[in-house]
Amino acid sequence: MVSSSEPIGGAPDVRQEYLEAIRLVERLHRQFLEVVKTELDRQGVEDINNIQALILFNIGPDELAVGELTNRGYYLGSNVSYNVRKMVENGYLIQERSTHDRRSIRVRLSDKGLVLSDVVRDMFDRHASTLDEAGISADDLTNASSLYRELERFWIGILNYGVRGAGPS
């Protein structure tokens, strides 16, 4: 009997590669957050964390309902509420009730938030301009993003249709 961790017939072990891909995604995410934290430290920004800085970047020049942050940035709902409150307290966000739906809270960046959003944008621009020095091309990133989207669709299919049908039949 072949164990579930051994490849069958010399083929790559899909299960092992799948688990490695998941580990890499988690590790890359943590490392990326460390990169953002390092940039904040380099800028002397101490009153906001890396996640909050990314939320500011994702809001950009828009005005959004708090719920839209969850949809746009894939942030957990309870964390978004906490982070929005902290960013309002520290002067990065302006929070107002919607004029159309008084139950809805809308947020936009303050001048301080716009400055920090620009810092994050500049960091991304610096990184993008040096990727080729690291041997990473635009095609490499396109291929990686395509695979990430396929995994996302696969996982959404599992959530919507169960394990056996990772998509509509």
N, C-alpha and C. Protein backbone atom coordinates (compact mmCIF):
# COMPACT_ATOMS: atom_id res chain seq x y z
N MET A 1 0.85 -1.19 0.00
CA MET A 1 0.00 0.00 0.00
C MET A 1 0.89 1.24 0.00
N VAL A 2 0.55 2.22 -0.84
CA VAL A 2 1.31 3.46 -0.95
C VAL A 2 0.74 4.46 0.05
N SER A 3 1.63 5.10 0.82
CA SER A 3 1.13 6.11 1.77
C SER A 3 0.72 7.36 1.00
N SER A 4 -0.12 8.16 1.64
CA SER A 4 -0.65 9.35 0.96
C SER A 4 0.42 10.41 0.72
N SER A 5 1.60 10.27 1.34
CA SER A 5 2.63 11.28 1.14
C SER A 5 3.63 10.90 0.06
N GLU A 6 3.51 9.68 -0.50
CA GLU A 6 4.43 9.25 -1.54
C GLU A 6 3.82 9.52 -2.91
N PRO A 7 4.69 9.98 -3.86
CA PRO A 7 4.17 10.15 -5.21
C PRO A 7 3.83 8.79 -5.83
N ILE A 8 2.83 8.78 -6.68
CA ILE A 8 2.42 7.55 -7.36
C ILE A 8 3.01 7.58 -8.76
N GLY A 9 3.69 6.50 -9.14
CA GLY A 9 4.24 6.39 -10.49
C GLY A 9 5.22 7.48 -10.85
N GLY A 10 5.95 8.02 -9.90
CA GLY A 10 6.95 9.03 -10.18
C GLY A 10 6.39 10.43 -10.42
N ALA A 11 5.07 10.58 -10.41
CA ALA A 11 4.46 11.89 -10.62
C ALA A 11 4.65 12.75 -9.38
N PRO A 12 4.72 14.05 -9.57
CA PRO A 12 4.84 14.92 -8.38
C PRO A 12 3.66 14.69 -7.44
N ASP A 13 3.93 14.75 -6.17
CA ASP A 13 2.90 14.56 -5.16
C ASP A 13 2.09 15.85 -5.03
N VAL A 14 0.89 15.85 -5.60
CA VAL A 14 0.05 17.05 -5.62
C VAL A 14 -0.24 17.52 -4.20
N ARG A 15 -0.51 16.59 -3.30
CA ARG A 15 -0.83 16.96 -1.92
C ARG A 15 0.33 17.71 -1.29
N GLN A 16 1.54 17.20 -1.45
CA GLN A 16 2.72 17.86 -0.85
C GLN A 16 2.95 19.23 -1.47
N GLU A 17 2.80 19.33 -2.78
CA GLU A 17 2.99 20.61 -3.46
C GLU A 17 1.91 21.61 -3.05
N TYR A 18 0.69 21.12 -2.88
CA TYR A 18 -0.42 21.97 -2.43
C TYR A 18 -0.13 22.51 -1.03
N LEU A 19 0.30 21.65 -0.13
CA LEU A 19 0.63 22.09 1.23
C LEU A 19 1.80 23.07 1.23
N GLU A 20 2.79 22.82 0.39
CA GLU A 20 3.93 23.74 0.29
C GLU A 20 3.48 25.09 -0.24
N ALA A 21 2.58 25.10 -1.23
CA ALA A 21 2.07 26.36 -1.76
C ALA A 21 1.34 27.15 -0.68
N ILE A 22 0.55 26.46 0.13
CA ILE A 22 -0.17 27.14 1.22
C ILE A 22 0.81 27.72 2.22
N ARG A 23 1.82 26.95 2.59
CA ARG A 23 2.85 27.45 3.52
C ARG A 23 3.55 28.67 2.96
N LEU A 24 3.87 28.63 1.66
CA LEU A 24 4.55 29.76 1.04
C LEU A 24 3.68 31.01 1.03
N VAL A 25 2.40 30.85 0.72
CA VAL A 25 1.49 32.00 0.71
C VAL A 25 1.45 32.64 2.09
N GLU A 26 1.32 31.81 3.12
CA GLU A 26 1.28 32.34 4.49
C GLU A 26 2.59 33.03 4.84
N ARG A 27 3.72 32.40 4.50
CA ARG A 27 5.03 32.97 4.82
C ARG A 27 5.27 34.26 4.04
N LEU A 28 4.90 34.27 2.76
CA LEU A 28 5.06 35.49 1.97
C LEU A 28 4.24 36.63 2.53
N HIS A 29 3.02 36.33 2.96
CA HIS A 29 2.17 37.37 3.54
C HIS A 29 2.81 37.96 4.80
N ARG A 30 3.31 37.10 5.68
CA ARG A 30 3.96 37.59 6.90
C ARG A 30 5.20 38.41 6.57
N GLN A 31 6.00 37.94 5.59
CA GLN A 31 7.20 38.69 5.21
C GLN A 31 6.84 40.04 4.60
N PHE A 32 5.80 40.05 3.79
CA PHE A 32 5.35 41.31 3.20
C PHE A 32 4.94 42.31 4.28
N LEU A 33 4.20 41.84 5.28
CA LEU A 33 3.80 42.72 6.37
C LEU A 33 5.02 43.24 7.11
N GLU A 34 6.07 42.44 7.25
CA GLU A 34 7.33 42.88 7.88
C GLU A 34 7.98 43.96 7.03
N VAL A 35 7.93 43.82 5.70
CA VAL A 35 8.49 44.84 4.81
C VAL A 35 7.76 46.17 5.02
N VAL A 36 6.44 46.12 5.11
CA VAL A 36 5.66 47.34 5.32
C VAL A 36 6.00 47.94 6.69
N LYS A 37 6.11 47.10 7.71
CA LYS A 37 6.48 47.58 9.05
C LYS A 37 7.85 48.25 9.04
N THR A 38 8.79 47.66 8.33
CA THR A 38 10.14 48.22 8.23
C THR A 38 10.10 49.59 7.56
N GLU A 39 9.26 49.74 6.53
CA GLU A 39 9.12 51.04 5.87
C GLU A 39 8.53 52.07 6.83
N LEU A 40 7.52 51.68 7.60
CA LEU A 40 6.94 52.60 8.58
C LEU A 40 8.00 53.02 9.60
N ASP A 41 8.78 52.05 10.08
CA ASP A 41 9.86 52.37 11.03
C ASP A 41 10.87 53.32 10.41
N ARG A 42 11.22 53.06 9.15
CA ARG A 42 12.19 53.91 8.45
C ARG A 42 11.68 55.34 8.31
N GLN A 43 10.36 55.49 8.18
CA GLN A 43 9.74 56.81 8.05
C GLN A 43 9.46 57.45 9.42
N GLY A 44 9.72 56.71 10.51
CA GLY A 44 9.45 57.24 11.85
C GLY A 44 7.98 57.23 12.22
N VAL A 45 7.18 56.42 11.55
CA VAL A 45 5.74 56.35 11.82
C VAL A 45 5.52 55.31 12.91
N GLU A 46 5.01 55.78 14.05
CA GLU A 46 4.84 54.89 15.19
C GLU A 46 3.39 54.75 15.65
N ASP A 47 2.50 55.55 15.08
CA ASP A 47 1.12 55.55 15.57
C ASP A 47 0.16 54.78 14.67
N ILE A 48 0.70 53.93 13.81
CA ILE A 48 -0.12 53.11 12.91
C ILE A 48 0.64 51.82 12.64
N ASN A 49 -0.09 50.73 12.44
CA ASN A 49 0.61 49.47 12.16
C ASN A 49 0.57 49.17 10.65
N ASN A 50 1.25 48.10 10.28
CA ASN A 50 1.38 47.76 8.86
C ASN A 50 0.02 47.46 8.21
N ILE A 51 -0.84 46.75 8.88
CA ILE A 51 -2.17 46.45 8.33
C ILE A 51 -2.95 47.74 8.09
N GLN A 52 -2.90 48.63 9.07
CA GLN A 52 -3.61 49.90 8.94
C GLN A 52 -3.06 50.73 7.78
N ALA A 53 -1.74 50.72 7.60
CA ALA A 53 -1.13 51.45 6.48
C ALA A 53 -1.61 50.88 5.15
N LEU A 54 -1.77 49.57 5.07
CA LEU A 54 -2.27 48.96 3.84
C LEU A 54 -3.74 49.29 3.61
N ILE A 55 -4.50 49.35 4.67
CA ILE A 55 -5.91 49.76 4.54
C ILE A 55 -5.97 51.18 3.98
N LEU A 56 -5.13 52.08 4.51
CA LEU A 56 -5.10 53.45 3.99
C LEU A 56 -4.76 53.46 2.51
N PHE A 57 -3.75 52.69 2.13
CA PHE A 57 -3.34 52.61 0.74
C PHE A 57 -4.51 52.13 -0.13
N ASN A 58 -5.23 51.12 0.35
CA ASN A 58 -6.33 50.57 -0.43
C ASN A 58 -7.53 51.51 -0.52
N ILE A 59 -7.71 52.35 0.47
CA ILE A 59 -8.78 53.36 0.38
C ILE A 59 -8.39 54.41 -0.64
N GLY A 60 -7.13 54.86 -0.56
CA GLY A 60 -6.65 55.87 -1.50
C GLY A 60 -7.51 57.11 -1.49
N PRO A 61 -7.81 57.65 -2.67
CA PRO A 61 -8.59 58.89 -2.74
C PRO A 61 -10.10 58.67 -2.61
N ASP A 62 -10.52 57.41 -2.46
CA ASP A 62 -11.95 57.11 -2.42
C ASP A 62 -12.57 57.41 -1.06
N GLU A 63 -13.88 57.47 -1.06
CA GLU A 63 -14.66 57.50 0.18
C GLU A 63 -15.48 56.22 0.17
N LEU A 64 -15.35 55.42 1.22
CA LEU A 64 -15.96 54.10 1.25
C LEU A 64 -16.78 53.89 2.50
N ALA A 65 -17.77 53.02 2.39
CA ALA A 65 -18.45 52.53 3.59
C ALA A 65 -17.50 51.54 4.26
N VAL A 66 -17.54 51.45 5.57
CA VAL A 66 -16.65 50.55 6.30
C VAL A 66 -16.80 49.12 5.78
N GLY A 67 -18.02 48.70 5.48
CA GLY A 67 -18.24 47.36 4.96
C GLY A 67 -17.53 47.11 3.63
N GLU A 68 -17.37 48.16 2.83
CA GLU A 68 -16.68 48.02 1.54
C GLU A 68 -15.20 47.67 1.74
N LEU A 69 -14.62 48.07 2.86
CA LEU A 69 -13.22 47.73 3.14
C LEU A 69 -13.05 46.22 3.21
N THR A 70 -14.02 45.55 3.81
CA THR A 70 -13.96 44.10 3.91
C THR A 70 -14.04 43.49 2.51
N ASN A 71 -14.95 44.00 1.69
CA ASN A 71 -15.11 43.47 0.33
C ASN A 71 -13.91 43.78 -0.55
N ARG A 72 -13.39 44.96 -0.47
CA ARG A 72 -12.28 45.38 -1.34
C ARG A 72 -10.94 44.82 -0.91
N GLY A 73 -10.68 44.87 0.39
CA GLY A 73 -9.35 44.53 0.86
C GLY A 73 -9.24 43.17 1.50
N TYR A 74 -10.35 42.45 1.58
CA TYR A 74 -10.35 41.12 2.17
C TYR A 74 -9.89 41.13 3.62
N TYR A 75 -10.28 42.17 4.34
CA TYR A 75 -9.96 42.26 5.76
C TYR A 75 -11.11 41.67 6.55
N LEU A 76 -10.80 41.10 7.69
CA LEU A 76 -11.84 40.54 8.54
C LEU A 76 -12.67 41.67 9.14
N GLY A 77 -13.97 41.48 9.19
CA GLY A 77 -14.89 42.52 9.63
C GLY A 77 -14.57 43.11 10.99
N SER A 78 -14.35 42.28 12.00
CA SER A 78 -14.10 42.81 13.34
C SER A 78 -12.77 43.56 13.38
N ASN A 79 -11.79 43.09 12.61
CA ASN A 79 -10.51 43.78 12.57
C ASN A 79 -10.63 45.13 11.88
N VAL A 80 -11.46 45.20 10.85
CA VAL A 80 -11.64 46.47 10.14
C VAL A 80 -12.22 47.51 11.09
N SER A 81 -13.23 47.14 11.86
CA SER A 81 -13.84 48.09 12.80
C SER A 81 -12.82 48.61 13.79
N TYR A 82 -12.03 47.72 14.36
CA TYR A 82 -10.98 48.13 15.31
C TYR A 82 -9.98 49.04 14.62
N ASN A 83 -9.51 48.62 13.44
CA ASN A 83 -8.48 49.40 12.74
C ASN A 83 -9.00 50.76 12.31
N VAL A 84 -10.24 50.82 11.86
CA VAL A 84 -10.83 52.12 11.49
C VAL A 84 -10.87 53.03 12.71
N ARG A 85 -11.33 52.50 13.84
CA ARG A 85 -11.38 53.32 15.06
C ARG A 85 -10.00 53.87 15.42
N LYS A 86 -8.97 53.02 15.36
CA LYS A 86 -7.61 53.46 15.71
C LYS A 86 -7.11 54.51 14.71
N MET A 87 -7.41 54.33 13.43
CA MET A 87 -6.94 55.29 12.43
C MET A 87 -7.67 56.62 12.54
N VAL A 88 -8.93 56.59 12.96
CA VAL A 88 -9.66 57.84 13.22
C VAL A 88 -9.04 58.53 14.43
N GLU A 89 -8.81 57.77 15.51
CA GLU A 89 -8.20 58.33 16.73
C GLU A 89 -6.85 58.96 16.45
N ASN A 90 -6.07 58.36 15.53
CA ASN A 90 -4.72 58.86 15.24
C ASN A 90 -4.69 59.85 14.08
N GLY A 91 -5.86 60.24 13.58
CA GLY A 91 -5.94 61.31 12.59
C GLY A 91 -5.66 60.90 11.15
N TYR A 92 -5.69 59.61 10.84
CA TYR A 92 -5.44 59.16 9.47
C TYR A 92 -6.71 59.07 8.63
N LEU A 93 -7.84 58.87 9.30
CA LEU A 93 -9.13 58.72 8.62
C LEU A 93 -10.12 59.73 9.14
N ILE A 94 -11.02 60.13 8.26
CA ILE A 94 -12.17 60.93 8.64
C ILE A 94 -13.39 60.02 8.47
N GLN A 95 -14.18 59.95 9.52
CA GLN A 95 -15.34 59.05 9.55
C GLN A 95 -16.60 59.88 9.65
N GLU A 96 -17.57 59.60 8.76
CA GLU A 96 -18.83 60.34 8.77
C GLU A 96 -19.98 59.39 8.47
N ARG A 97 -21.16 59.74 8.98
CA ARG A 97 -22.35 58.98 8.61
C ARG A 97 -22.73 59.31 7.17
N SER A 98 -23.18 58.31 6.45
CA SER A 98 -23.63 58.51 5.08
C SER A 98 -24.84 59.45 5.07
N THR A 99 -24.88 60.36 4.11
CA THR A 99 -26.02 61.26 4.00
C THR A 99 -27.23 60.52 3.45
N HIS A 100 -27.00 59.41 2.72
CA HIS A 100 -28.10 58.65 2.12
C HIS A 100 -28.64 57.57 3.04
N ASP A 101 -27.77 56.96 3.82
CA ASP A 101 -28.17 55.88 4.73
C ASP A 101 -27.51 56.14 6.08
N ARG A 102 -28.24 56.70 7.00
CA ARG A 102 -27.68 57.12 8.29
C ARG A 102 -27.09 55.97 9.09
N ARG A 103 -27.42 54.73 8.72
CA ARG A 103 -26.85 53.58 9.43
C ARG A 103 -25.43 53.29 8.95
N SER A 104 -25.09 53.75 7.78
CA SER A 104 -23.80 53.45 7.16
C SER A 104 -22.75 54.50 7.54
N ILE A 105 -21.57 54.01 7.89
CA ILE A 105 -20.45 54.90 8.21
C ILE A 105 -19.51 54.92 7.01
N ARG A 106 -19.13 56.11 6.57
CA ARG A 106 -18.21 56.26 5.44
C ARG A 106 -16.90 56.81 5.96
N VAL A 107 -15.82 56.39 5.31
CA VAL A 107 -14.49 56.86 5.70
C VAL A 107 -13.75 57.36 4.47
N ARG A 108 -12.86 58.32 4.73
CA ARG A 108 -11.95 58.82 3.70
C ARG A 108 -10.66 59.22 4.41
N LEU A 109 -9.60 59.33 3.64
CA LEU A 109 -8.32 59.68 4.23
C LEU A 109 -8.27 61.16 4.59
N SER A 110 -7.68 61.44 5.74
CA SER A 110 -7.38 62.82 6.11
C SER A 110 -6.10 63.22 5.36
N ASP A 111 -5.67 64.45 5.53
CA ASP A 111 -4.40 64.86 4.90
C ASP A 111 -3.26 63.98 5.40
N LYS A 112 -3.25 63.67 6.69
CA LYS A 112 -2.23 62.80 7.28
C LYS A 112 -2.30 61.41 6.65
N GLY A 113 -3.51 60.91 6.43
CA GLY A 113 -3.69 59.60 5.80
C GLY A 113 -3.24 59.60 4.35
N LEU A 114 -3.51 60.68 3.63
CA LEU A 114 -3.07 60.79 2.24
C LEU A 114 -1.55 60.77 2.14
N VAL A 115 -0.88 61.45 3.08
CA VAL A 115 0.59 61.45 3.08
C VAL A 115 1.11 60.04 3.29
N LEU A 116 0.55 59.32 4.25
CA LEU A 116 1.03 57.97 4.51
C LEU A 116 0.69 57.03 3.35
N SER A 117 -0.47 57.21 2.74
CA SER A 117 -0.81 56.41 1.56
C SER A 117 0.21 56.62 0.45
N ASP A 118 0.66 57.86 0.28
CA ASP A 118 1.70 58.16 -0.71
C ASP A 118 3.02 57.49 -0.35
N VAL A 119 3.34 57.42 0.93
CA VAL A 119 4.56 56.74 1.37
C VAL A 119 4.51 55.27 0.96
N VAL A 120 3.37 54.64 1.19
CA VAL A 120 3.21 53.22 0.83
C VAL A 120 3.28 53.06 -0.69
N ARG A 121 2.61 53.96 -1.41
CA ARG A 121 2.67 53.90 -2.89
C ARG A 121 4.11 54.04 -3.38
N ASP A 122 4.86 54.97 -2.80
CA ASP A 122 6.26 55.16 -3.19
C ASP A 122 7.09 53.91 -2.90
N MET A 123 6.80 53.25 -1.77
CA MET A 123 7.50 52.01 -1.44
C MET A 123 7.23 50.96 -2.52
N PHE A 124 5.95 50.81 -2.91
CA PHE A 124 5.61 49.85 -3.96
C PHE A 124 6.31 50.20 -5.27
N ASP A 125 6.36 51.49 -5.59
CA ASP A 125 7.03 51.92 -6.82
C ASP A 125 8.52 51.57 -6.78
N ARG A 126 9.16 51.79 -5.63
CA ARG A 126 10.58 51.43 -5.48
C ARG A 126 10.78 49.93 -5.67
N HIS A 127 9.92 49.15 -5.04
CA HIS A 127 10.02 47.70 -5.17
C HIS A 127 9.85 47.27 -6.62
N ALA A 128 8.81 47.80 -7.27
CA ALA A 128 8.53 47.41 -8.65
C ALA A 128 9.69 47.76 -9.58
N SER A 129 10.35 48.88 -9.32
CA SER A 129 11.43 49.31 -10.20
C SER A 129 12.69 48.46 -10.02
N THR A 130 12.78 47.69 -8.94
CA THR A 130 13.98 46.88 -8.72
C THR A 130 13.72 45.37 -8.82
N LEU A 131 12.51 44.98 -9.17
CA LEU A 131 12.21 43.56 -9.30
C LEU A 131 13.09 42.87 -10.33
N ASP A 132 13.36 43.55 -11.45
CA ASP A 132 14.18 42.93 -12.49
C ASP A 132 15.58 42.61 -11.98
N GLU A 133 16.11 43.42 -11.06
CA GLU A 133 17.42 43.14 -10.46
C GLU A 133 17.39 41.85 -9.64
N ALA A 134 16.21 41.50 -9.14
CA ALA A 134 16.04 40.27 -8.36
C ALA A 134 15.70 39.09 -9.27
N GLY A 135 15.67 39.33 -10.58
CA GLY A 135 15.37 38.26 -11.52
C GLY A 135 13.89 37.96 -11.64
N ILE A 136 13.04 38.92 -11.28
CA ILE A 136 11.59 38.72 -11.34
C ILE A 136 11.04 39.64 -12.43
N SER A 137 10.44 39.03 -13.45
CA SER A 137 9.91 39.80 -14.58
C SER A 137 8.41 40.04 -14.41
N ALA A 138 7.90 40.92 -15.25
CA ALA A 138 6.45 41.15 -15.27
C ALA A 138 5.72 39.87 -15.64
N ASP A 139 6.28 39.07 -16.56
CA ASP A 139 5.67 37.79 -16.93
C ASP A 139 5.63 36.84 -15.75
N ASP A 140 6.70 36.82 -14.95
CA ASP A 140 6.72 35.96 -13.76
C ASP A 140 5.58 36.35 -12.81
N LEU A 141 5.41 37.65 -12.61
CA LEU A 141 4.35 38.11 -11.71
C LEU A 141 2.97 37.82 -12.29
N THR A 142 2.81 37.97 -13.60
CA THR A 142 1.54 37.66 -14.24
C THR A 142 1.19 36.18 -14.04
N ASN A 143 2.19 35.31 -14.24
CA ASN A 143 1.96 33.87 -14.07
C ASN A 143 1.63 33.54 -12.62
N ALA A 144 2.35 34.15 -11.67
CA ALA A 144 2.08 33.90 -10.25
C ALA A 144 0.68 34.38 -9.89
N SER A 145 0.32 35.57 -10.34
CA SER A 145 -1.01 36.11 -10.04
C SER A 145 -2.10 35.24 -10.64
N SER A 146 -1.86 34.73 -11.83
CA SER A 146 -2.83 33.84 -12.46
C SER A 146 -3.04 32.59 -11.62
N LEU A 147 -1.97 32.02 -11.12
CA LEU A 147 -2.08 30.84 -10.27
C LEU A 147 -2.79 31.17 -8.96
N TYR A 148 -2.48 32.32 -8.36
CA TYR A 148 -3.16 32.72 -7.12
C TYR A 148 -4.66 32.86 -7.36
N ARG A 149 -5.04 33.45 -8.51
CA ARG A 149 -6.47 33.59 -8.82
C ARG A 149 -7.14 32.22 -9.00
N GLU A 150 -6.42 31.28 -9.62
CA GLU A 150 -6.97 29.93 -9.78
C GLU A 150 -7.17 29.26 -8.43
N LEU A 151 -6.20 29.41 -7.52
CA LEU A 151 -6.36 28.86 -6.17
C LEU A 151 -7.53 29.53 -5.47
N GLU A 152 -7.66 30.84 -5.64
CA GLU A 152 -8.78 31.55 -5.02
C GLU A 152 -10.11 31.00 -5.54
N ARG A 153 -10.22 30.82 -6.85
CA ARG A 153 -11.45 30.26 -7.43
C ARG A 153 -11.70 28.85 -6.91
N PHE A 154 -10.64 28.05 -6.78
CA PHE A 154 -10.75 26.69 -6.27
C PHE A 154 -11.32 26.71 -4.85
N TRP A 155 -10.75 27.58 -3.99
CA TRP A 155 -11.20 27.65 -2.60
C TRP A 155 -12.62 28.20 -2.51
N ILE A 156 -12.96 29.18 -3.34
CA ILE A 156 -14.33 29.70 -3.35
C ILE A 156 -15.29 28.60 -3.79
N GLY A 157 -14.86 27.80 -4.77
CA GLY A 157 -15.68 26.68 -5.20
C GLY A 157 -15.92 25.69 -4.09
N ILE A 158 -14.90 25.42 -3.29
CA ILE A 158 -15.06 24.52 -2.15
C ILE A 158 -16.05 25.11 -1.16
N LEU A 159 -15.94 26.39 -0.90
CA LEU A 159 -16.86 27.04 0.04
C LEU A 159 -18.29 27.02 -0.48
N ASN A 160 -18.45 27.22 -1.77
CA ASN A 160 -19.79 27.30 -2.35
C ASN A 160 -20.40 25.95 -2.69
N TYR A 161 -19.57 24.98 -3.04
CA TYR A 161 -20.11 23.73 -3.56
C TYR A 161 -19.63 22.49 -2.80
N GLY A 162 -18.76 22.66 -1.82
CA GLY A 162 -18.25 21.51 -1.07
C GLY A 162 -16.99 20.96 -1.72
N VAL A 163 -16.33 20.06 -1.01
CA VAL A 163 -15.04 19.53 -1.43
C VAL A 163 -15.12 18.79 -2.76
N ARG A 164 -16.14 17.97 -2.96
CA ARG A 164 -16.22 17.16 -4.18
C ARG A 164 -16.40 18.01 -5.41
N GLY A 165 -17.15 19.05 -5.31
CA GLY A 165 -17.39 19.90 -6.48
C GLY A 165 -16.79 21.26 -6.26
N ALA A 166 -15.54 21.45 -6.64
CA ALA A 166 -14.89 22.73 -6.43
C ALA A 166 -15.33 23.73 -7.48
N GLY A 167 -16.53 23.57 -7.96
CA GLY A 167 -17.11 24.49 -8.92
C GLY A 167 -18.43 23.92 -9.41
N PRO A 168 -19.17 24.71 -10.17
CA PRO A 168 -20.45 24.22 -10.66
C PRO A 168 -20.26 23.06 -11.63
N SER A 169 -21.20 22.14 -11.65
CA SER A 169 -21.11 20.98 -12.56
C SER A 169 -21.85 21.27 -13.83
